[in-house]
Every structure is written in structure tokens, then in C-alpha cells.
Amino acid sequence: TALTMVLGFAAWLAAATAPLLNLPQTGVVYGLDFSHDALAVGSNDGTVALYHPFSTEGTWAPVVKKHGKGVTSVAFNSNGSVLLSTSSNKSVAAWRVPSGEPVGVYD
């Protein structure tokens, strides 16, 4: 059942002795979101990074963007083509996925 799968996954995570991912950020992670093919991570060092776990390289994509201050949250739109991020300086930024091209910053 689904509950058995979730409990098994939680037990596997608890037993892991090595990090599952080494994040490129140097700060504390405050925002995390998944789309159908990417993971977005935002941290208090002001970075927003995209990870593509199904890429052939299996590494972080070269899409790392900076906010003026720490990132407080990240979220993909419904089809995963745009990533929104918020910052402690009360700005909202929109980025195209997977290129990281800015759509706009709203203060």
C-alpha cells in the first residue's frame, strides 16, 4: 500500500549515513519545491538553484540565481515552466525553467 511505501522510504532515509544530495548553497535552506523533472532549492545566502535529478550528468544544472537577500520560499507553476522565489527583502522573482532566464522581479 501507499502507507507501507512511505514508511519504508522514511526508514531508508533515517538509516542513510551519507547525504542524499550535496547542495551548492552555503546557507541554510529555507525553500524547496519539486516539479515533474526538477528540484528547486532556495537558501538564506540568497541563491536559488535548480537540480535536474534525471539529467544524464546527475549533477546540479548551471542555473544558480541570486536574490538581494535570503530566499524564503520557492515554488514552481503548475506545469513546471516557471519558478517563483521570494526573498527577505520582500521581492518576488520569476525564472524560466530550465534556462534560469529571468521573467521579472517584483518589489
C-alpha atoms as a PDB file:
ATOM      1  CA  THR A   1       0.000   0.000   0.000  1.00  0.00           C
ATOM      2  CA  ALA A   2       0.966   3.639  -0.247  1.00  0.00           C
ATOM      3  CA  LEU A   3       1.406   3.903   3.526  1.00  0.00           C
ATOM      4  CA  THR A   4       3.807   0.962   3.527  1.00  0.00           C
ATOM      5  CA  MET A   5       5.840   2.582   0.759  1.00  0.00           C
ATOM      6  CA  VAL A   6       6.004   5.903   2.610  1.00  0.00           C
ATOM      7  CA  LEU A   7       7.037   4.231   5.871  1.00  0.00           C
ATOM      8  CA  GLY A   8       9.675   2.187   4.048  1.00  0.00           C
ATOM      9  CA  PHE A   9      11.073   5.312   2.386  1.00  0.00           C
ATOM     10  CA  ALA A  10      11.130   7.160   5.728  1.00  0.00           C
ATOM     11  CA  ALA A  11      13.012   4.255   7.338  1.00  0.00           C
ATOM     12  CA  TRP A  12      15.522   4.244   4.452  1.00  0.00           C
ATOM     13  CA  LEU A  13      16.088   7.996   4.857  1.00  0.00           C
ATOM     14  CA  ALA A  14      16.586   7.631   8.604  1.00  0.00           C
ATOM     15  CA  ALA A  15      19.168   4.879   8.038  1.00  0.00           C
ATOM     16  CA  ALA A  16      21.162   6.845   5.438  1.00  0.00           C
ATOM     17  CA  THR A  17      24.651   7.650   6.709  1.00  0.00           C
ATOM     18  CA  ALA A  18      25.704   9.907   3.824  1.00  0.00           C
ATOM     19  CA  PRO A  19      23.926  12.954   2.425  1.00  0.00           C
ATOM     20  CA  LEU A  20      21.491  12.146  -0.369  1.00  0.00           C
ATOM     21  CA  LEU A  21      22.337  15.426  -2.116  1.00  0.00           C
ATOM     22  CA  ASN A  22      25.171  17.863  -1.689  1.00  0.00           C
ATOM     23  CA  LEU A  23      23.564  21.249  -2.190  1.00  0.00           C
ATOM     24  CA  PRO A  24      25.643  24.030  -3.775  1.00  0.00           C
ATOM     25  CA  GLN A  25      24.358  26.684  -1.391  1.00  0.00           C
ATOM     26  CA  THR A  26      26.414  27.807   1.540  1.00  0.00           C
ATOM     27  CA  GLY A  27      23.431  28.979   3.582  1.00  0.00           C
ATOM     28  CA  VAL A  28      20.526  27.360   5.385  1.00  0.00           C
ATOM     29  CA  VAL A  29      17.864  26.001   3.023  1.00  0.00           C
ATOM     30  CA  TYR A  30      14.513  27.754   3.544  1.00  0.00           C
ATOM     31  CA  GLY A  31      12.712  26.862   0.313  1.00  0.00           C
ATOM     32  CA  LEU A  32      12.353  23.580  -1.511  1.00  0.00           C
ATOM     33  CA  ASP A  33       9.955  22.522  -4.277  1.00  0.00           C
ATOM     34  CA  PHE A  34       9.674  19.718  -6.824  1.00  0.00           C
ATOM     35  CA  SER A  35       8.273  19.814 -10.340  1.00  0.00           C
ATOM     36  CA  HIS A  36       7.860  16.829 -12.636  1.00  0.00           C
ATOM     37  CA  ASP A  37      11.573  16.936 -13.581  1.00  0.00           C
ATOM     38  CA  ALA A  38      13.395  19.391 -11.329  1.00  0.00           C
ATOM     39  CA  LEU A  39      14.126  20.320  -7.735  1.00  0.00           C
ATOM     40  CA  ALA A  40      14.411  23.989  -6.736  1.00  0.00           C
ATOM     41  CA  VAL A  41      16.303  24.990  -3.598  1.00  0.00           C
ATOM     42  CA  GLY A  42      16.429  28.470  -2.057  1.00  0.00           C
ATOM     43  CA  SER A  43      18.602  29.443   0.882  1.00  0.00           C
ATOM     44  CA  ASN A  44      19.421  32.307   3.184  1.00  0.00           C
ATOM     45  CA  ASP A  45      22.642  33.040   1.265  1.00  0.00           C
ATOM     46  CA  GLY A  46      20.386  34.488  -1.465  1.00  0.00           C
ATOM     47  CA  THR A  47      20.792  31.680  -4.004  1.00  0.00           C
ATOM     48  CA  VAL A  48      18.156  29.813  -5.966  1.00  0.00           C
ATOM     49  CA  ALA A  49      19.438  26.631  -7.596  1.00  0.00           C
ATOM     50  CA  LEU A  50      17.789  24.125  -9.917  1.00  0.00           C
ATOM     51  CA  TYR A  51      18.641  20.450  -9.787  1.00  0.00           C
ATOM     52  CA  HIS A  52      17.651  18.066 -12.559  1.00  0.00           C
ATOM     53  CA  PRO A  53      17.804  14.607 -10.969  1.00  0.00           C
ATOM     54  CA  PHE A  54      17.038  12.852 -14.251  1.00  0.00           C
ATOM     55  CA  SER A  55      19.796  14.543 -16.257  1.00  0.00           C
ATOM     56  CA  THR A  56      22.418  12.298 -17.794  1.00  0.00           C
ATOM     57  CA  GLU A  57      25.120  14.056 -15.772  1.00  0.00           C
ATOM     58  CA  GLY A  58      23.202  13.691 -12.499  1.00  0.00           C
ATOM     59  CA  THR A  59      24.672  16.978 -11.299  1.00  0.00           C
ATOM     60  CA  TRP A  60      23.457  20.442 -10.477  1.00  0.00           C
ATOM     61  CA  ALA A  61      22.392  22.389 -13.508  1.00  0.00           C
ATOM     62  CA  PRO A  62      24.369  25.609 -14.038  1.00  0.00           C
ATOM     63  CA  VAL A  63      21.254  27.586 -13.097  1.00  0.00           C
ATOM     64  CA  VAL A  64      22.008  29.435  -9.871  1.00  0.00           C
ATOM     65  CA  LYS A  65      20.480  32.872  -9.358  1.00  0.00           C
ATOM     66  CA  LYS A  66      20.946  35.436  -6.644  1.00  0.00           C
ATOM     67  CA  HIS A  67      18.385  37.489  -4.753  1.00  0.00           C
ATOM     68  CA  GLY A  68      19.432  40.659  -2.938  1.00  0.00           C
ATOM     69  CA  LYS A  69      18.787  38.950   0.405  1.00  0.00           C
ATOM     70  CA  GLY A  70      17.986  35.459   1.690  1.00  0.00           C
ATOM     71  CA  VAL A  71      15.465  33.356  -0.205  1.00  0.00           C
ATOM     72  CA  THR A  72      12.438  32.499   1.913  1.00  0.00           C
ATOM     73  CA  SER A  73      10.496  30.232  -0.472  1.00  0.00           C
ATOM     74  CA  VAL A  74      10.449  28.731  -3.967  1.00  0.00           C
ATOM     75  CA  ALA A  75       7.534  27.304  -5.975  1.00  0.00           C
ATOM     76  CA  PHE A  76       7.014  26.005  -9.496  1.00  0.00           C
ATOM     77  CA  ASN A  77       3.947  26.882 -11.533  1.00  0.00           C
ATOM     78  CA  SER A  78       1.596  24.012 -12.409  1.00  0.00           C
ATOM     79  CA  ASN A  79       3.493  22.820 -15.492  1.00  0.00           C
ATOM     80  CA  GLY A  80       6.989  23.472 -14.094  1.00  0.00           C
ATOM     81  CA  SER A  81       7.968  26.056 -16.728  1.00  0.00           C
ATOM     82  CA  VAL A  82       8.335  28.983 -14.292  1.00  0.00           C
ATOM     83  CA  LEU A  83       9.882  29.110 -10.840  1.00  0.00           C
ATOM     84  CA  LEU A  84       8.873  31.817  -8.368  1.00  0.00           C
ATOM     85  CA  SER A  85      11.097  32.765  -5.457  1.00  0.00           C
ATOM     86  CA  THR A  86      10.564  35.156  -2.577  1.00  0.00           C
ATOM     87  CA  SER A  87      13.200  36.951  -0.566  1.00  0.00           C
ATOM     88  CA  SER A  88      13.509  38.508   2.871  1.00  0.00           C
ATOM     89  CA  ASN A  89      13.772  41.904   1.120  1.00  0.00           C
ATOM     90  CA  LYS A  90      10.097  41.357   0.167  1.00  0.00           C
ATOM     91  CA  SER A  91      10.792  40.834  -3.533  1.00  0.00           C
ATOM     92  CA  VAL A  92       9.363  38.103  -5.760  1.00  0.00           C
ATOM     93  CA  ALA A  93      11.335  36.850  -8.753  1.00  0.00           C
ATOM     94  CA  ALA A  94      10.178  34.661 -11.626  1.00  0.00           C
ATOM     95  CA  TRP A  95      12.609  32.459 -13.593  1.00  0.00           C
ATOM     96  CA  ARG A  96      12.132  30.342 -16.725  1.00  0.00           C
ATOM     97  CA  VAL A  97      12.846  26.653 -16.256  1.00  0.00           C
ATOM     98  CA  PRO A  98      15.252  25.123 -17.184  1.00  0.00           C
ATOM     99  CA  SER A  99      17.252  28.100 -18.533  1.00  0.00           C
ATOM    100  CA  GLY A 100      17.010  30.312 -15.452  1.00  0.00           C
ATOM    101  CA  GLU A 101      16.294  33.327 -17.647  1.00  0.00           C
ATOM    102  CA  PRO A 102      14.572  36.000 -15.543  1.00  0.00           C
ATOM    103  CA  VAL A 103      10.930  36.687 -16.292  1.00  0.00           C
ATOM    104  CA  GLY A 104      10.770  39.569 -13.827  1.00  0.00           C
ATOM    105  CA  VAL A 105      11.444  40.827 -10.327  1.00  0.00           C
ATOM    106  CA  TYR A 106       8.684  42.439  -8.360  1.00  0.00           C
ATOM    107  CA  ASP A 107       9.470  44.585  -5.319  1.00  0.00           C
END
